C-alpha atoms as a PDB file:
ATOM      1  CA  MET A   1     207.203 274.209  -6.552  1.00  0.00           C
ATOM      2  CA  VAL A   2     208.074 277.373  -4.702  1.00  0.00           C
ATOM      3  CA  ALA A   3     209.783 280.148  -6.681  1.00  0.00           C
ATOM      4  CA  ILE A   4     212.593 281.866  -4.791  1.00  0.00           C
ATOM      5  CA  SER A   5     213.511 285.409  -5.708  1.00  0.00           C
ATOM      6  CA  TRP A   6     217.291 285.988  -5.503  1.00  0.00           C
ATOM      7  CA  VAL A   7     218.852 289.492  -5.416  1.00  0.00           C
ATOM      8  CA  GLU A   8     222.492 290.044  -6.270  1.00  0.00           C
ATOM      9  CA  VAL A   9     224.446 291.284  -3.254  1.00  0.00           C
ATOM     10  CA  GLY A  10     228.047 290.873  -4.385  1.00  0.00           C
ATOM     11  CA  LYS A  11     230.298 290.040  -7.309  1.00  0.00           C
ATOM     12  CA  VAL A  12     233.983 289.285  -7.803  1.00  0.00           C
ATOM     13  CA  GLU A  13     235.639 289.255 -11.212  1.00  0.00           C
ATOM     14  CA  ILE A  14     239.379 288.638 -11.650  1.00  0.00           C
ATOM     15  CA  THR A  15     241.314 288.093 -14.889  1.00  0.00           C
ATOM     16  CA  ASP A  16     244.984 287.068 -15.197  1.00  0.00           C
ATOM     17  CA  GLU A  17     246.081 288.005 -11.716  1.00  0.00           C
ATOM     18  CA  VAL A  18     248.600 286.398  -9.311  1.00  0.00           C
ATOM     19  CA  ILE A  19     247.113 286.377  -5.823  1.00  0.00           C
ATOM     20  CA  HIS A  20     248.627 286.050  -2.369  1.00  0.00           C
ATOM     21  CA  TRP A  21     245.523 286.741  -0.238  1.00  0.00           C
ATOM     22  CA  PRO A  22     243.780 283.971   1.650  1.00  0.00           C
ATOM     23  CA  TRP A  23     240.271 285.448   1.356  1.00  0.00           C
ATOM     24  CA  LYS A  24     238.569 287.917  -1.018  1.00  0.00           C
ATOM     25  CA  LEU A  25     235.585 290.016   0.029  1.00  0.00           C
ATOM     26  CA  ALA A  26     232.582 288.887  -2.023  1.00  0.00           C
ATOM     27  CA  ALA A  27     229.708 290.637  -0.193  1.00  0.00           C
ATOM     28  CA  GLU A  28     229.953 293.457   2.393  1.00  0.00           C
ATOM     29  CA  THR A  29     226.848 292.372   4.299  1.00  0.00           C
ATOM     30  CA  LEU A  30     224.246 289.611   4.480  1.00  0.00           C
ATOM     31  CA  HIS A  31     222.014 291.636   6.866  1.00  0.00           C
ATOM     32  CA  GLY A  32     218.397 290.611   6.616  1.00  0.00           C
ATOM     33  CA  LEU A  33     219.050 287.598   4.449  1.00  0.00           C
ATOM     34  CA  THR A  34     218.206 284.035   5.450  1.00  0.00           C
ATOM     35  CA  HIS A  35     220.072 282.339   2.607  1.00  0.00           C
ATOM     36  CA  VAL A  36     222.825 283.092   0.096  1.00  0.00           C
ATOM     37  CA  GLN A  37     223.436 281.569  -3.299  1.00  0.00           C
ATOM     38  CA  ILE A  38     227.019 281.576  -4.574  1.00  0.00           C
ATOM     39  CA  LYS A  39     227.856 280.773  -8.181  1.00  0.00           C
ATOM     40  CA  ALA A  40     231.482 280.425  -9.353  1.00  0.00           C
ATOM     41  CA  GLU A  41     233.162 279.916 -12.657  1.00  0.00           C
ATOM     42  CA  GLY A  42     236.714 280.205 -13.898  1.00  0.00           C
ATOM     43  CA  GLU A  43     240.135 278.600 -13.820  1.00  0.00           C
ATOM     44  CA  TRP A  44     243.260 279.019 -11.687  1.00  0.00           C
ATOM     45  CA  GLU A  45     246.688 277.441 -11.312  1.00  0.00           C
ATOM     46  CA  ALA A  46     248.933 276.372  -8.442  1.00  0.00           C
ATOM     47  CA  LEU A  47     252.474 275.019  -8.811  1.00  0.00           C
ATOM     48  CA  GLY A  48     252.634 275.866 -12.494  1.00  0.00           C
ATOM     49  CA  ALA A  49     252.272 272.828 -14.771  1.00  0.00           C
ATOM     50  CA  GLN A  50     252.640 270.267 -11.926  1.00  0.00           C
ATOM     51  CA  ILE A  51     248.837 270.237 -11.388  1.00  0.00           C
ATOM     52  CA  GLN A  52     246.114 270.653 -14.006  1.00  0.00           C
ATOM     53  CA  PRO A  53     244.320 274.043 -13.649  1.00  0.00           C
ATOM     54  CA  PHE A  54     241.576 274.083 -11.053  1.00  0.00           C
ATOM     55  CA  ASN A  55     237.911 274.855 -11.726  1.00  0.00           C
ATOM     56  CA  PRO A  56     235.363 275.833  -8.996  1.00  0.00           C
ATOM     57  CA  ASP A  57     234.798 272.191  -7.982  1.00  0.00           C
ATOM     58  CA  GLY A  58     238.554 271.531  -7.571  1.00  0.00           C
ATOM     59  CA  HIS A  59     240.201 268.183  -8.238  1.00  0.00           C
ATOM     60  CA  ALA A  60     238.256 265.401  -6.394  1.00  0.00           C
ATOM     61  CA  GLY A  61     240.346 262.367  -5.519  1.00  0.00           C
ATOM     62  CA  LEU A  62     243.770 263.922  -6.067  1.00  0.00           C
ATOM     63  CA  PRO A  63     245.943 262.800  -3.143  1.00  0.00           C
ATOM     64  CA  ILE A  64     247.397 265.726  -1.258  1.00  0.00           C
ATOM     65  CA  GLN A  65     248.908 266.386   2.167  1.00  0.00           C
ATOM     66  CA  THR A  66     246.194 267.711   4.431  1.00  0.00           C
ATOM     67  CA  ASP A  67     248.444 270.526   5.676  1.00  0.00           C
ATOM     68  CA  ARG A  68     248.088 272.085   2.202  1.00  0.00           C
ATOM     69  CA  ILE A  69     244.294 272.422   2.276  1.00  0.00           C
ATOM     70  CA  ILE A  70     241.804 274.212   4.535  1.00  0.00           C
ATOM     71  CA  LEU A  71     238.889 271.729   4.339  1.00  0.00           C
ATOM     72  CA  SER A  72     239.783 268.050   4.357  1.00  0.00           C
ATOM     73  CA  ASP A  73     236.346 266.946   3.061  1.00  0.00           C
ATOM     74  CA  CYS A  74     236.437 269.292   0.031  1.00  0.00           C
ATOM     75  CA  PRO A  75     238.407 268.739  -3.199  1.00  0.00           C
ATOM     76  CA  ILE A  76     241.715 270.558  -3.430  1.00  0.00           C
ATOM     77  CA  GLY A  77     241.592 273.885  -5.243  1.00  0.00           C
ATOM     78  CA  ALA A  78     237.800 274.191  -4.963  1.00  0.00           C
ATOM     79  CA  VAL A  79     236.158 277.512  -4.232  1.00  0.00           C
ATOM     80  CA  ILE A  80     235.351 277.835  -0.539  1.00  0.00           C
ATOM     81  CA  GLY A  81     233.671 280.552   1.491  1.00  0.00           C
ATOM     82  CA  LYS A  82     233.237 281.857   5.011  1.00  0.00           C
ATOM     83  CA  VAL A  83     230.849 284.296   6.671  1.00  0.00           C
ATOM     84  CA  GLY A  84     232.357 286.699   9.174  1.00  0.00           C
ATOM     85  CA  GLY A  85     235.872 286.635  10.552  1.00  0.00           C
ATOM     86  CA  SER A  86     238.833 288.244   8.864  1.00  0.00           C
ATOM     87  CA  SER A  87     240.244 288.393   5.367  1.00  0.00           C
ATOM     88  CA  ALA A  88     243.635 287.420   6.839  1.00  0.00           C
ATOM     89  CA  ASN A  89     243.080 284.100   8.631  1.00  0.00           C
ATOM     90  CA  PHE A  90     242.829 280.729   6.902  1.00  0.00           C
ATOM     91  CA  ALA A  91     240.605 278.703   9.273  1.00  0.00           C
ATOM     92  CA  VAL A  92     238.475 278.813  12.379  1.00  0.00           C
ATOM     93  CA  VAL A  93     237.353 275.579  14.100  1.00  0.00           C
ATOM     94  CA  SER A  94     233.882 275.378  15.612  1.00  0.00           C
ATOM     95  CA  SER A  95     232.716 272.648  17.926  1.00  0.00           C
ATOM     96  CA  SER A  96     229.066 273.784  18.050  1.00  0.00           C
ATOM     97  CA  ALA A  97     226.167 272.836  15.790  1.00  0.00           C
ATOM     98  CA  THR A  98     225.997 276.401  14.499  1.00  0.00           C
ATOM     99  CA  PRO A  99     229.100 277.401  12.531  1.00  0.00           C
ATOM    100  CA  ALA A 100     231.328 279.968  14.253  1.00  0.00           C
ATOM    101  CA  ALA A 101     232.013 283.259  12.497  1.00  0.00           C
ATOM    102  CA  GLY A 102     234.748 282.652   9.955  1.00  0.00           C
ATOM    103  CA  THR A 103     234.269 278.865   9.689  1.00  0.00           C
ATOM    104  CA  PRO A 104     235.101 277.857   6.065  1.00  0.00           C
ATOM    105  CA  PHE A 105     232.570 275.880   4.014  1.00  0.00           C
ATOM    106  CA  PRO A 106     232.683 274.326   0.489  1.00  0.00           C
ATOM    107  CA  VAL A 107     231.216 276.390  -2.376  1.00  0.00           C
ATOM    108  CA  GLY A 108     232.264 274.765  -5.642  1.00  0.00           C
ATOM    109  CA  ALA A 109     230.473 275.953  -8.762  1.00  0.00           C
ATOM    110  CA  HIS A 110     227.126 276.427  -6.995  1.00  0.00           C
ATOM    111  CA  CYS A 111     226.195 276.665  -3.333  1.00  0.00           C
ATOM    112  CA  VAL A 112     223.103 277.678  -1.342  1.00  0.00           C
ATOM    113  CA  ALA A 113     223.673 278.191   2.401  1.00  0.00           C
ATOM    114  CA  ALA A 114     221.700 279.475   5.334  1.00  0.00           C
ATOM    115  CA  THR A 115     223.126 282.633   6.879  1.00  0.00           C
ATOM    116  CA  HIS A 116     222.178 281.570  10.469  1.00  0.00           C
ATOM    117  CA  GLY A 117     221.456 285.240  11.236  1.00  0.00           C
ATOM    118  CA  SER A 118     224.960 286.388  10.418  1.00  0.00           C
ATOM    119  CA  ILE A 119     225.329 289.810   8.917  1.00  0.00           C
ATOM    120  CA  GLY A 120     228.577 288.983   7.154  1.00  0.00           C
ATOM    121  CA  PRO A 121     230.752 289.820   5.446  1.00  0.00           C
ATOM    122  CA  LEU A 122     231.056 286.920   2.988  1.00  0.00           C
ATOM    123  CA  PHE A 123     234.555 285.974   1.807  1.00  0.00           C
ATOM    124  CA  ILE A 124     235.610 283.526  -0.900  1.00  0.00           C
ATOM    125  CA  GLY A 125     238.893 281.647  -1.139  1.00  0.00           C
ATOM    126  CA  PHE A 126     240.372 278.418  -2.422  1.00  0.00           C
ATOM    127  CA  ASN A 127     240.916 275.059  -0.762  1.00  0.00           C
ATOM    128  CA  TRP A 128     244.656 275.285  -1.276  1.00  0.00           C
ATOM    129  CA  MET A 129     246.910 276.948   1.309  1.00  0.00           C
ATOM    130  CA  PRO A 130     250.184 277.578  -0.599  1.00  0.00           C
ATOM    131  CA  ARG A 131     250.420 280.880  -2.374  1.00  0.00           C
ATOM    132  CA  PRO A 132     250.692 282.419  -4.881  1.00  0.00           C
ATOM    133  CA  LEU A 133     247.875 281.225  -7.147  1.00  0.00           C
ATOM    134  CA  HIS A 134     247.485 282.393 -10.747  1.00  0.00           C
ATOM    135  CA  ILE A 135     243.882 283.277 -11.452  1.00  0.00           C
ATOM    136  CA  LYS A 136     243.280 282.939 -15.184  1.00  0.00           C
ATOM    137  CA  THR A 137     239.610 283.919 -14.809  1.00  0.00           C
ATOM    138  CA  LEU A 138     237.282 284.017 -11.857  1.00  0.00           C
ATOM    139  CA  LYS A 139     233.682 285.142 -11.674  1.00  0.00           C
ATOM    140  CA  ILE A 140     231.783 284.831  -8.374  1.00  0.00           C
ATOM    141  CA  THR A 141     228.158 286.004  -8.090  1.00  0.00           C
ATOM    142  CA  VAL A 142     226.535 286.212  -4.664  1.00  0.00           C
ATOM    143  CA  SER A 143     222.794 286.503  -4.353  1.00  0.00           C
ATOM    144  CA  GLY A 144     220.585 286.559  -1.305  1.00  0.00           C
ATOM    145  CA  THR A 145     216.989 285.955  -0.299  1.00  0.00           C
ATOM    146  CA  THR A 146     214.777 286.027   2.754  1.00  0.00           C
ATOM    147  CA  ILE A 147     212.565 283.041   3.293  1.00  0.00           C
ATOM    148  CA  ALA A 148     209.841 283.522   5.868  1.00  0.00           C
ATOM    149  CA  GLN A 149     209.729 280.900   8.592  1.00  0.00           C
ATOM    150  CA  SER A 150     206.358 279.249   8.912  1.00  0.00           C
END
């Protein structure tokens, strides 16, 4: 088994905050990294008591209108990420095999993703478009590594 050495490149910690932003900066740059590992923990609410609080993996199987979420193949309320793009836009659609800058992807509680040569930045958000959200607690840790191609 190959041991991978991860180095922390970003962290987000939020406690008891009402948010209106679509994306939060989690790592300034991914320059020189081939892969990132994102770990998330915490709990947040949308619509008050109408929906149980979300955790990083969201609520799988909960029926919801697709105009209220960013990624249709990801549970509602789950942590999502994107590399590049802006902190202000919700989604970018890519028709190529390589994701376009700013294309959202699922993160959940744990994610390892190739950087595809992107230098970043890395943003995190939630698969739930309506705002505000009440973040009870949120801790995101972003680590990176460089794996030599053989």
